[in-house]
Protein backbone atom coordinates (compact mmCIF):
# COMPACT_ATOMS: atom_id res chain seq x y z
CA MET A 1 4.09 281.34 116.41
CA SER A 2 3.81 284.80 117.96
CA ARG A 3 5.93 285.94 120.89
CA GLU A 4 2.86 285.71 123.11
CA GLN A 5 2.10 282.15 121.98
CA LEU A 6 5.70 281.07 122.55
CA ALA A 7 5.81 282.74 125.96
CA GLU A 8 2.62 280.93 126.97
CA ALA A 9 3.89 277.56 125.68
CA ALA A 10 7.20 278.05 127.53
CA GLY A 11 5.54 279.31 130.70
CA MET A 12 7.23 282.70 130.47
CA ALA A 13 6.03 286.28 130.48
CA PRO A 14 6.07 287.85 126.98
CA GLY A 15 8.14 290.72 128.36
CA TYR A 16 10.78 288.29 129.64
CA LEU A 17 10.90 286.55 126.26
CA GLU A 18 11.33 289.94 124.56
CA HIS A 19 14.19 290.69 126.97
CA LEU A 20 15.88 287.38 126.09
CA GLU A 21 15.56 288.16 122.36
CA GLU A 22 17.31 291.50 122.91
CA HIS A 23 19.92 290.12 125.36
CA PRO A 24 20.64 286.53 124.25
CA ALA A 25 23.74 286.31 126.45
CA GLU A 26 21.45 286.37 129.50
CA VAL A 27 19.51 283.21 128.58
CA THR A 28 19.74 280.73 131.44
CA PRO A 29 19.95 276.95 130.93
CA ALA A 30 16.46 276.62 132.43
CA ALA A 31 15.04 279.18 129.97
CA LEU A 32 16.73 277.41 127.05
CA LEU A 33 15.20 274.11 128.15
CA ARG A 34 11.71 275.62 128.41
CA LEU A 35 12.03 277.27 125.00
CA SER A 36 13.33 274.07 123.39
CA ARG A 37 10.35 272.13 124.72
CA ALA A 38 7.88 274.80 123.59
CA LEU A 39 9.43 274.87 120.10
CA ASP A 40 9.91 271.08 119.95
CA VAL A 41 13.63 271.40 119.11
CA ASN A 42 16.69 270.44 121.09
CA VAL A 43 18.74 273.01 123.00
CA ALA A 44 21.72 272.56 120.65
CA VAL A 45 19.60 273.81 117.74
CA LEU A 46 18.63 276.92 119.74
CA LEU A 47 22.32 277.55 120.40
CA GLY A 48 23.08 277.45 116.67
CA GLU A 49 24.19 273.88 116.11
CA GLY A 50 24.46 273.22 112.40
CA VAL A 51 24.28 276.86 111.29
CA SER A 52 27.06 276.23 108.79
CA LEU A 53 25.20 273.32 107.20
CA PRO A 54 22.94 273.82 104.17
CA PRO A 55 19.37 274.65 105.25
CA GLY A 56 16.77 271.92 105.46
CA ARG A 57 18.96 269.17 106.90
CA GLY A 58 16.87 268.94 110.05
CA GLY A 59 14.07 266.99 108.39
CA ALA A 60 10.35 267.47 108.69
CA GLY A 61 8.89 268.76 111.91
CA PRO A 62 5.95 267.20 113.69
CA HIS A 63 2.74 267.40 111.61
CA PRO A 64 4.12 269.27 108.55
CA VAL A 65 1.59 271.02 106.32
CA LEU A 66 2.36 272.12 102.73
CA GLN A 67 0.26 275.05 101.50
CA ALA A 68 0.04 277.08 98.32
CA ILE A 69 0.77 280.79 98.80
CA SER A 70 -1.50 283.41 97.24
CA ASP A 71 -0.18 285.89 94.66
CA GLU A 72 -0.52 288.70 97.23
CA GLU A 73 1.49 286.76 99.81
CA CYS A 74 4.16 285.93 97.20
CA GLU A 75 4.55 289.63 96.44
CA ARG A 76 4.75 290.43 100.16
CA LEU A 77 7.51 287.83 100.58
CA LEU A 78 9.43 289.21 97.58
CA ALA A 79 9.01 292.86 98.58
CA PRO A 80 11.98 293.16 100.99
CA GLY A 81 14.39 291.90 98.32
CA GLY A 82 17.51 290.00 99.29
CA VAL A 83 19.18 287.05 97.61
CA GLY A 84 17.41 284.84 95.08
CA ARG A 85 18.38 282.61 92.18
CA VAL A 86 18.00 283.29 88.48
CA VAL A 87 17.52 280.04 86.58
CA LEU A 88 18.64 279.92 82.94
CA VAL A 89 18.74 277.12 80.44
CA GLU A 90 22.24 276.77 79.03
CA GLU A 91 23.67 274.21 76.66
CA ARG A 92 24.48 271.95 79.63
CA GLY A 93 20.93 272.33 81.02
CA PRO A 94 19.26 274.46 83.71
CA VAL A 95 21.68 276.53 85.80
CA ALA A 96 20.91 278.69 88.85
CA PHE A 97 22.86 281.85 89.63
CA PRO A 98 22.48 283.63 92.99
CA VAL A 99 21.73 287.35 92.67
CA ASN A 100 20.78 290.18 94.99
CA PHE A 101 17.41 291.57 93.98
CA SER A 102 14.79 294.18 94.69
CA LEU A 103 11.31 294.88 93.34
CA LEU A 104 10.66 297.64 90.83
CA ASP A 105 6.94 298.19 90.24
CA GLY A 106 6.28 294.53 91.01
CA ASP A 107 9.05 293.27 88.70
CA ILE A 108 12.23 291.53 89.89
CA LEU A 109 15.31 293.74 89.45
CA PHE A 110 18.89 292.47 89.71
CA ARG A 111 22.38 293.51 88.65
CA THR A 112 25.05 291.48 86.91
CA ALA A 113 28.34 291.85 85.06
CA ALA A 114 28.17 292.53 81.32
CA ALA A 115 30.06 289.33 80.42
CA SER A 116 28.04 287.06 82.72
CA PRO A 117 25.66 284.30 81.61
CA VAL A 118 22.88 286.18 83.43
CA ALA A 119 23.44 289.29 81.26
CA ALA A 120 23.19 287.05 78.18
CA ALA A 121 19.65 286.16 79.27
CA ASP A 122 18.38 289.53 78.00
CA GLY A 123 15.15 288.83 76.13
CA GLN A 124 14.90 285.21 77.29
CA GLU A 125 12.40 283.38 79.47
CA VAL A 126 13.99 282.72 82.86
CA GLY A 127 13.02 281.45 86.26
CA PHE A 128 13.62 283.18 89.56
CA GLU A 129 13.40 281.55 92.96
CA VAL A 130 13.68 282.89 96.50
CA ASP A 131 13.10 281.03 99.74
CA ARG A 132 13.54 281.09 103.48
CA ILE A 133 14.11 278.01 105.63
CA ASP A 134 13.88 277.95 109.43
CA ASP A 135 15.49 274.71 110.53
CA ALA A 136 14.76 275.38 114.20
CA LEU A 137 11.02 275.64 113.60
CA HIS A 138 10.94 273.18 110.65
CA GLU A 139 9.15 275.80 108.56
CA GLY A 140 9.83 277.71 105.40
CA TRP A 141 8.55 279.05 102.10
CA SER A 142 9.54 279.29 98.47
CA VAL A 143 8.39 281.64 95.69
CA LEU A 144 8.98 280.89 92.01
CA VAL A 145 8.64 283.53 89.29
CA THR A 146 8.88 282.89 85.57
CA GLY A 147 8.98 285.55 82.89
CA ARG A 148 11.10 287.38 80.37
CA ALA A 149 14.33 289.11 81.44
CA ARG A 150 14.92 292.52 79.90
CA ARG A 151 18.08 294.63 80.11
CA LEU A 152 17.45 298.20 81.18
CA VAL A 153 18.72 300.75 78.67
CA ASP A 154 16.40 303.72 79.14
CA PRO A 155 18.35 306.30 81.24
CA ASP A 156 15.31 307.12 83.40
CA GLU A 157 14.64 303.44 84.10
CA VAL A 158 18.32 302.83 84.91
CA ALA A 159 18.27 305.81 87.30
CA ARG A 160 15.21 304.37 89.08
CA ALA A 161 16.97 301.01 89.31
CA ARG A 162 20.15 302.58 90.74
CA ALA A 163 18.06 304.39 93.36
CA LEU A 164 17.05 300.97 94.76
CA GLU A 165 20.70 300.36 95.71
CA VAL A 166 20.79 296.64 94.90
CA GLU A 167 24.29 295.76 96.12
CA PRO A 168 25.63 292.36 95.05
CA TRP A 169 27.26 290.34 97.83
CA ALA A 170 29.84 289.15 95.33
CA GLY A 171 31.06 292.72 94.91
CA GLY A 172 32.79 293.84 91.76
CA ASP A 173 31.45 295.83 88.87
CA ARG A 174 27.87 294.83 88.10
CA GLU A 175 26.83 297.51 85.62
CA VAL A 176 23.99 295.64 83.87
CA TYR A 177 20.48 295.89 85.31
CA LEU A 178 17.97 293.23 84.31
CA ARG A 179 14.26 293.39 84.96
CA LEU A 180 12.24 290.19 85.13
CA VAL A 181 8.62 290.87 84.21
CA PRO A 182 6.59 288.06 85.80
CA ASP A 183 4.36 285.92 83.61
CA GLU A 184 3.65 283.47 86.41
CA VAL A 185 4.18 283.58 90.17
CA SER A 186 3.64 280.68 92.55
CA GLY A 187 4.65 279.86 96.06
CA ARG A 188 4.50 277.17 98.70
CA ARG A 189 4.86 277.23 102.44
CA ILE A 190 5.74 274.41 104.82
CA ARG A 191 4.54 274.96 108.34
CA VAL A 192 4.15 272.79 111.39
CA GLU A 193 0.62 272.28 112.62
CA ARG A 194 0.66 272.78 116.38
């Protein structure tokens, strides 16, 4: 929903809504009520209730629609980078490891420690998943990439990877760069039909 659409549904001027987005401390109870009705969520959700809970606990919104995402849209969603999950098959079964990532020429690039299970995936087929969930709007998307992970050893390629400044949230020394060359990319989006 665009700002203009939300403003119209809430009976507000788009400029006022923009002001509230930039100055959330100035939101009045009446404005919160109008926005909650327009978004079909309760006021507590708008105020951040449940932000420490795992995403997706709010259930389906009214009239949910599940759609496949095109390859181009998947790449657009991956392009900003962020946090995703590398999925490996270990002796105990599939295991997902969160990693910070970026794109390098359309491939997934991430860093890890030399002694980590992720570094041991060099040359193996792996999965990679990234998603975004918006509990307030009951919408979200997920992109899944499968392909072969390859450790970067060429000095020029490592230099290009370092220039992307992929900084792991976990901190510590993450000197190994892995590049996931996609064999298959798929995505799905859940949206609420209004």
